[in-house]
PDB file of N, CA and C in Angstrom:
ATOM      1  N   MET A   1     -40.575  62.235 -23.638  1.00  0.00           N
ATOM      2  CA  MET A   1     -41.873  61.695 -23.936  1.00  0.00           C
ATOM      3  C   MET A   1     -41.713  60.225 -24.329  1.00  0.00           C
ATOM      4  N   ALA A   2     -42.627  59.384 -23.917  1.00  0.00           N
ATOM      5  CA  ALA A   2     -42.558  57.956 -24.158  1.00  0.00           C
ATOM      6  C   ALA A   2     -42.942  57.639 -25.599  1.00  0.00           C
ATOM      7  N   GLU A   3     -42.395  56.538 -26.072  1.00  0.00           N
ATOM      8  CA  GLU A   3     -42.707  56.112 -27.429  1.00  0.00           C
ATOM      9  C   GLU A   3     -44.051  55.389 -27.431  1.00  0.00           C
ATOM     10  N   ILE A   4     -44.876  55.671 -28.393  1.00  0.00           N
ATOM     11  CA  ILE A   4     -46.185  55.047 -28.496  1.00  0.00           C
ATOM     12  C   ILE A   4     -46.006  53.673 -29.145  1.00  0.00           C
ATOM     13  N   VAL A   5     -46.589  52.663 -28.500  1.00  0.00           N
ATOM     14  CA  VAL A   5     -46.447  51.282 -28.959  1.00  0.00           C
ATOM     15  C   VAL A   5     -47.831  50.748 -29.330  1.00  0.00           C
ATOM     16  N   ASN A   6     -47.933  50.228 -30.530  1.00  0.00           N
ATOM     17  CA  ASN A   6     -49.171  49.590 -30.965  1.00  0.00           C
ATOM     18  C   ASN A   6     -49.151  48.167 -30.412  1.00  0.00           C
ATOM     19  N   LEU A   7     -50.042  47.853 -29.475  1.00  0.00           N
ATOM     20  CA  LEU A   7     -50.034  46.556 -28.801  1.00  0.00           C
ATOM     21  C   LEU A   7     -50.329  45.404 -29.760  1.00  0.00           C
ATOM     22  N   ARG A   8     -51.183  45.615 -30.724  1.00  0.00           N
ATOM     23  CA  ARG A   8     -51.496  44.558 -31.694  1.00  0.00           C
ATOM     24  C   ARG A   8     -50.240  44.167 -32.463  1.00  0.00           C
ATOM     25  N   GLN A   9     -49.497  45.163 -32.932  1.00  0.00           N
ATOM     26  CA  GLN A   9     -48.261  44.880 -33.664  1.00  0.00           C
ATOM     27  C   GLN A   9     -47.211  44.243 -32.756  1.00  0.00           C
ATOM     28  N   ALA A  10     -47.146  44.673 -31.512  1.00  0.00           N
ATOM     29  CA  ALA A  10     -46.176  44.096 -30.575  1.00  0.00           C
ATOM     30  C   ALA A  10     -46.491  42.627 -30.318  1.00  0.00           C
ATOM     31  N   ARG A  11     -47.770  42.304 -30.158  1.00  0.00           N
ATOM     32  CA  ARG A  11     -48.162  40.897 -29.943  1.00  0.00           C
ATOM     33  C   ARG A  11     -47.812  40.051 -31.157  1.00  0.00           C
ATOM     34  N   LYS A  12     -48.096  40.552 -32.332  1.00  0.00           N
ATOM     35  CA  LYS A  12     -47.784  39.814 -33.556  1.00  0.00           C
ATOM     36  C   LYS A  12     -46.271  39.625 -33.704  1.00  0.00           C
ATOM     37  N   ARG A  13     -45.510  40.651 -33.408  1.00  0.00           N
ATOM     38  CA  ARG A  13     -44.048  40.567 -33.492  1.00  0.00           C
ATOM     39  C   ARG A  13     -43.517  39.514 -32.523  1.00  0.00           C
ATOM     40  N   ARG A  14     -44.049  39.508 -31.302  1.00  0.00           N
ATOM     41  CA  ARG A  14     -43.606  38.535 -30.311  1.00  0.00           C
ATOM     42  C   ARG A  14     -44.009  37.118 -30.732  1.00  0.00           C
ATOM     43  N   ALA A  15     -45.213  36.950 -31.283  1.00  0.00           N
ATOM     44  CA  ALA A  15     -45.659  35.630 -31.736  1.00  0.00           C
ATOM     45  C   ALA A  15     -44.775  35.121 -32.867  1.00  0.00           C
ATOM     46  N   ARG A  16     -44.411  35.994 -33.808  1.00  0.00           N
ATOM     47  CA  ARG A  16     -43.525  35.584 -34.896  1.00  0.00           C
ATOM     48  C   ARG A  16     -42.161  35.174 -34.366  1.00  0.00           C
ATOM     49  N   ALA A  17     -41.647  35.887 -33.393  1.00  0.00           N
ATOM     50  CA  ALA A  17     -40.347  35.545 -32.807  1.00  0.00           C
ATOM     51  C   ALA A  17     -40.421  34.193 -32.099  1.00  0.00           C
ATOM     52  N   ASP A  18     -41.518  33.957 -31.390  1.00  0.00           N
ATOM     53  CA  ASP A  18     -41.696  32.664 -30.708  1.00  0.00           C
ATOM     54  C   ASP A  18     -41.777  31.521 -31.721  1.00  0.00           C
ATOM     55  N   GLN A  19     -42.525  31.735 -32.791  1.00  0.00           N
ATOM     56  CA  GLN A  19     -42.642  30.705 -33.824  1.00  0.00           C
ATOM     57  C   GLN A  19     -41.303  30.449 -34.496  1.00  0.00           C
ATOM     58  N   ALA A  20     -40.533  31.481 -34.702  1.00  0.00           N
ATOM     59  CA  ALA A  20     -39.218  31.315 -35.322  1.00  0.00           C
ATOM     60  C   ALA A  20     -38.301  30.511 -34.401  1.00  0.00           C
ATOM     61  N   ALA A  21     -38.397  30.730 -33.108  1.00  0.00           N
ATOM     62  CA  ALA A  21     -37.570  29.977 -32.157  1.00  0.00           C
ATOM     63  C   ALA A  21     -37.959  28.503 -32.152  1.00  0.00           C
ATOM     64  N   VAL A  22     -39.253  28.219 -32.191  1.00  0.00           N
ATOM     65  CA  VAL A  22     -39.718  26.831 -32.231  1.00  0.00           C
ATOM     66  C   VAL A  22     -39.272  26.168 -33.536  1.00  0.00           C
ATOM     67  N   ALA A  23     -39.380  26.888 -34.626  1.00  0.00           N
ATOM     68  CA  ALA A  23     -38.969  26.332 -35.918  1.00  0.00           C
ATOM     69  C   ALA A  23     -37.474  26.030 -35.938  1.00  0.00           C
ATOM     70  N   ALA A  24     -36.680  26.915 -35.364  1.00  0.00           N
ATOM     71  CA  ALA A  24     -35.231  26.676 -35.313  1.00  0.00           C
ATOM     72  C   ALA A  24     -34.913  25.449 -34.476  1.00  0.00           C
ATOM     73  N   ALA A  25     -35.615  25.276 -33.368  1.00  0.00           N
ATOM     74  CA  ALA A  25     -35.399  24.095 -32.531  1.00  0.00           C
ATOM     75  C   ALA A  25     -35.797  22.829 -33.279  1.00  0.00           C
ATOM     76  N   ASN A  26     -36.900  22.859 -34.008  1.00  0.00           N
ATOM     77  CA  ASN A  26     -37.331  21.694 -34.784  1.00  0.00           C
ATOM     78  C   ASN A  26     -36.343  21.365 -35.891  1.00  0.00           C
ATOM     79  N   ARG A  27     -35.801  22.382 -36.537  1.00  0.00           N
ATOM     80  CA  ARG A  27     -34.804  22.136 -37.577  1.00  0.00           C
ATOM     81  C   ARG A  27     -33.575  21.473 -36.985  1.00  0.00           C
ATOM     82  N   ALA A  28     -33.173  21.901 -35.810  1.00  0.00           N
ATOM     83  CA  ALA A  28     -31.995  21.317 -35.167  1.00  0.00           C
ATOM     84  C   ALA A  28     -32.259  19.863 -34.778  1.00  0.00           C
ATOM     85  N   LEU A  29     -33.470  19.560 -34.352  1.00  0.00           N
ATOM     86  CA  LEU A  29     -33.787  18.202 -33.917  1.00  0.00           C
ATOM     87  C   LEU A  29     -34.061  17.263 -35.083  1.00  0.00           C
ATOM     88  N   HIS A  30     -34.804  17.722 -36.076  1.00  0.00           N
ATOM     89  CA  HIS A  30     -35.308  16.834 -37.114  1.00  0.00           C
ATOM     90  C   HIS A  30     -34.715  17.069 -38.490  1.00  0.00           C
ATOM     91  N   GLY A  31     -34.010  18.124 -38.671  1.00  0.00           N
ATOM     92  CA  GLY A  31     -33.525  18.468 -40.003  1.00  0.00           C
ATOM     93  C   GLY A  31     -32.338  17.615 -40.415  1.00  0.00           C
ATOM     94  N   ARG A  32     -32.461  16.969 -41.551  1.00  0.00           N
ATOM     95  CA  ARG A  32     -31.354  16.208 -42.130  1.00  0.00           C
ATOM     96  C   ARG A  32     -31.343  16.481 -43.617  1.00  0.00           C
ATOM     97  N   THR A  33     -30.164  16.510 -44.179  1.00  0.00           N
ATOM     98  CA  THR A  33     -30.065  16.766 -45.601  1.00  0.00           C
ATOM     99  C   THR A  33     -30.429  15.502 -46.371  1.00  0.00           C
ATOM    100  N   ALA A  34     -30.690  15.655 -47.642  1.00  0.00           N
ATOM    101  CA  ALA A  34     -31.022  14.511 -48.491  1.00  0.00           C
ATOM    102  C   ALA A  34     -29.845  13.544 -48.547  1.00  0.00           C
ATOM    103  N   ALA A  35     -28.637  14.058 -48.552  1.00  0.00           N
ATOM    104  CA  ALA A  35     -27.454  13.201 -48.592  1.00  0.00           C
ATOM    105  C   ALA A  35     -27.355  12.346 -47.323  1.00  0.00           C
ATOM    106  N   GLU A  36     -27.678  12.926 -46.183  1.00  0.00           N
ATOM    107  CA  GLU A  36     -27.645  12.160 -44.936  1.00  0.00           C
ATOM    108  C   GLU A  36     -28.698  11.055 -44.950  1.00  0.00           C
ATOM    109  N   ARG A  37     -29.903  11.369 -45.437  1.00  0.00           N
ATOM    110  CA  ARG A  37     -30.960  10.345 -45.517  1.00  0.00           C
ATOM    111  C   ARG A  37     -30.551   9.233 -46.469  1.00  0.00           C
ATOM    112  N   ASP A  38     -29.982   9.584 -47.624  1.00  0.00           N
ATOM    113  CA  ASP A  38     -29.539   8.575 -48.592  1.00  0.00           C
ATOM    114  C   ASP A  38     -28.434   7.704 -48.018  1.00  0.00           C
ATOM    115  N   ARG A  39     -27.486   8.311 -47.317  1.00  0.00           N
ATOM    116  CA  ARG A  39     -26.395   7.553 -46.712  1.00  0.00           C
ATOM    117  C   ARG A  39     -26.932   6.549 -45.689  1.00  0.00           C
ATOM    118  N   ASP A  40     -27.865   6.987 -44.842  1.00  0.00           N
ATOM    119  CA  ASP A  40     -28.437   6.083 -43.843  1.00  0.00           C
ATOM    120  C   ASP A  40     -29.216   4.955 -44.506  1.00  0.00           C
ATOM    121  N   ARG A  41     -29.937   5.280 -45.584  1.00  0.00           N
ATOM    122  CA  ARG A  41     -30.698   4.252 -46.294  1.00  0.00           C
ATOM    123  C   ARG A  41     -29.750   3.223 -46.909  1.00  0.00           C
ATOM    124  N   GLN A  42     -28.645   3.686 -47.506  1.00  0.00           N
ATOM    125  CA  GLN A  42     -27.677   2.779 -48.114  1.00  0.00           C
ATOM    126  C   GLN A  42     -26.994   1.909 -47.059  1.00  0.00           C
ATOM    127  N   GLU A  43     -26.681   2.484 -45.899  1.00  0.00           N
ATOM    128  CA  GLU A  43     -26.064   1.699 -44.825  1.00  0.00           C
ATOM    129  C   GLU A  43     -27.017   0.622 -44.324  1.00  0.00           C
ATOM    130  N   ALA A  44     -28.296   0.950 -44.191  1.00  0.00           N
ATOM    131  CA  ALA A  44     -29.280  -0.030 -43.739  1.00  0.00           C
ATOM    132  C   ALA A  44     -29.430  -1.149 -44.772  1.00  0.00           C
ATOM    133  N   GLU A  45     -29.454  -0.786 -46.044  1.00  0.00           N
ATOM    134  CA  GLU A  45     -29.561  -1.792 -47.105  1.00  0.00           C
ATOM    135  C   GLU A  45     -28.328  -2.691 -47.112  1.00  0.00           C
ATOM    136  N   ARG A  46     -27.156  -2.130 -46.950  1.00  0.00           N
ATOM    137  CA  ARG A  46     -25.914  -2.915 -46.915  1.00  0.00           C
ATOM    138  C   ARG A  46     -25.929  -3.872 -45.718  1.00  0.00           C
ATOM    139  N   ALA A  47     -26.377  -3.397 -44.566  1.00  0.00           N
ATOM    140  CA  ALA A  47     -26.450  -4.252 -43.376  1.00  0.00           C
ATOM    141  C   ALA A  47     -27.456  -5.381 -43.589  1.00  0.00           C
ATOM    142  N   ARG A  48     -28.592  -5.081 -44.235  1.00  0.00           N
ATOM    143  CA  ARG A  48     -29.595  -6.109 -44.501  1.00  0.00           C
ATOM    144  C   ARG A  48     -29.031  -7.175 -45.441  1.00  0.00           C
ATOM    145  N   ARG A  49     -28.325  -6.749 -46.498  1.00  0.00           N
ATOM    146  CA  ARG A  49     -27.739  -7.711 -47.436  1.00  0.00           C
ATOM    147  C   ARG A  49     -26.691  -8.573 -46.750  1.00  0.00           C
ATOM    148  N   THR A  50     -25.874  -7.972 -45.909  1.00  0.00           N
ATOM    149  CA  THR A  50     -24.842  -8.727 -45.185  1.00  0.00           C
ATOM    150  C   THR A  50     -25.483  -9.763 -44.277  1.00  0.00           C
ATOM    151  N   LEU A  51     -26.522  -9.377 -43.575  1.00  0.00           N
ATOM    152  CA  LEU A  51     -27.203 -10.295 -42.673  1.00  0.00           C
ATOM    153  C   LEU A  51     -27.882 -11.417 -43.455  1.00  0.00           C
ATOM    154  N   ASP A  52     -28.522 -11.088 -44.565  1.00  0.00           N
ATOM    155  CA  ASP A  52     -29.173 -12.113 -45.381  1.00  0.00           C
ATOM    156  C   ASP A  52     -28.143 -13.064 -45.979  1.00  0.00           C
ATOM    157  N   GLY A  53     -26.979 -12.549 -46.326  1.00  0.00           N
ATOM    158  CA  GLY A  53     -25.940 -13.393 -46.904  1.00  0.00           C
ATOM    159  C   GLY A  53     -25.336 -14.340 -45.885  1.00  0.00           C
ATOM    160  N   ALA A  54     -25.372 -14.009 -44.625  1.00  0.00           N
ATOM    161  CA  ALA A  54     -24.793 -14.842 -43.575  1.00  0.00           C
ATOM    162  C   ALA A  54     -25.815 -15.815 -42.987  1.00  0.00           C
ATOM    163  N   GLN A  55     -27.056 -15.737 -43.418  1.00  0.00           N
ATOM    164  CA  GLN A  55     -28.106 -16.584 -42.873  1.00  0.00           C
ATOM    165  C   GLN A  55     -27.934 -18.021 -43.361  1.00  0.00           C
ATOM    166  N   LEU A  56     -28.098 -18.958 -42.434  1.00  0.00           N
ATOM    167  CA  LEU A  56     -28.020 -20.368 -42.789  1.00  0.00           C
ATOM    168  C   LEU A  56     -29.354 -20.787 -43.386  1.00  0.00           C
ATOM    169  N   SER A  57     -29.289 -21.559 -44.457  1.00  0.00           N
ATOM    170  CA  SER A  57     -30.533 -22.007 -45.076  1.00  0.00           C
ATOM    171  C   SER A  57     -31.049 -23.241 -44.338  1.00  0.00           C
ATOM    172  N   ALA A  58     -32.329 -23.434 -44.328  1.00  0.00           N
ATOM    173  CA  ALA A  58     -32.956 -24.576 -43.659  1.00  0.00           C
ATOM    174  C   ALA A  58     -33.170 -25.687 -44.689  1.00  0.00           C
ATOM    175  N   GLY A  59     -32.130 -26.447 -44.939  1.00  0.00           N
ATOM    176  CA  GLY A  59     -32.227 -27.554 -45.885  1.00  0.00           C
ATOM    177  C   GLY A  59     -32.756 -28.793 -45.192  1.00  0.00           C
ATOM    178  N   PRO A  60     -32.766 -29.953 -45.898  1.00  0.00           N
ATOM    179  CA  PRO A  60     -33.295 -31.174 -45.321  1.00  0.00           C
ATOM    180  C   PRO A  60     -32.524 -31.627 -44.072  1.00  0.00           C
ATOM    181  N   GLU A  61     -31.217 -31.363 -44.029  1.00  0.00           N
ATOM    182  CA  GLU A  61     -30.436 -31.793 -42.883  1.00  0.00           C
ATOM    183  C   GLU A  61     -30.616 -30.861 -41.688  1.00  0.00           C
ATOM    184  N   ARG A  62     -31.223 -29.690 -41.856  1.00  0.00           N
ATOM    185  CA  ARG A  62     -31.366 -28.727 -40.768  1.00  0.00           C
ATOM    186  C   ARG A  62     -32.835 -28.496 -40.410  1.00  0.00           C
ATOM    187  N   ASP A  63     -33.717 -29.374 -40.824  1.00  0.00           N
ATOM    188  CA  ASP A  63     -35.122 -29.136 -40.548  1.00  0.00           C
ATOM    189  C   ASP A  63     -35.580 -29.731 -39.222  1.00  0.00           C
ATOM    190  N   GLY A  64     -34.680 -30.343 -38.456  1.00  0.00           N
ATOM    191  CA  GLY A  64     -35.038 -30.900 -37.169  1.00  0.00           C
ATOM    192  C   GLY A  64     -35.571 -32.316 -37.262  1.00  0.00           C
ATOM    193  N   GLN A  65     -35.572 -32.918 -38.438  1.00  0.00           N
ATOM    194  CA  GLN A  65     -36.101 -34.265 -38.642  1.00  0.00           C
ATOM    195  C   GLN A  65     -34.992 -35.296 -38.772  1.00  0.00           C
ATOM    196  N   GLY A  66     -33.779 -34.968 -38.518  1.00  0.00           N
ATOM    197  CA  GLY A  66     -32.789 -35.986 -38.753  1.00  0.00           C
ATOM    198  C   GLY A  66     -31.578 -35.785 -38.024  1.00  0.00           C
TER     199      GLY A  66
END
């Protein structure tokens, strides 16, 4: 004898499985730990400071007037 299947429950079960698969894919694509975000922020700040420190200032001799 065949097993009786409640179609409403089967649809809900399948929808939950689909949502879980999408969520797992999003976590893989977008998920980063707080430590990773902090590290990237610190690297960007360090690069900005290095670039600002190497910038030539526009003094009177470099203003294009002399």
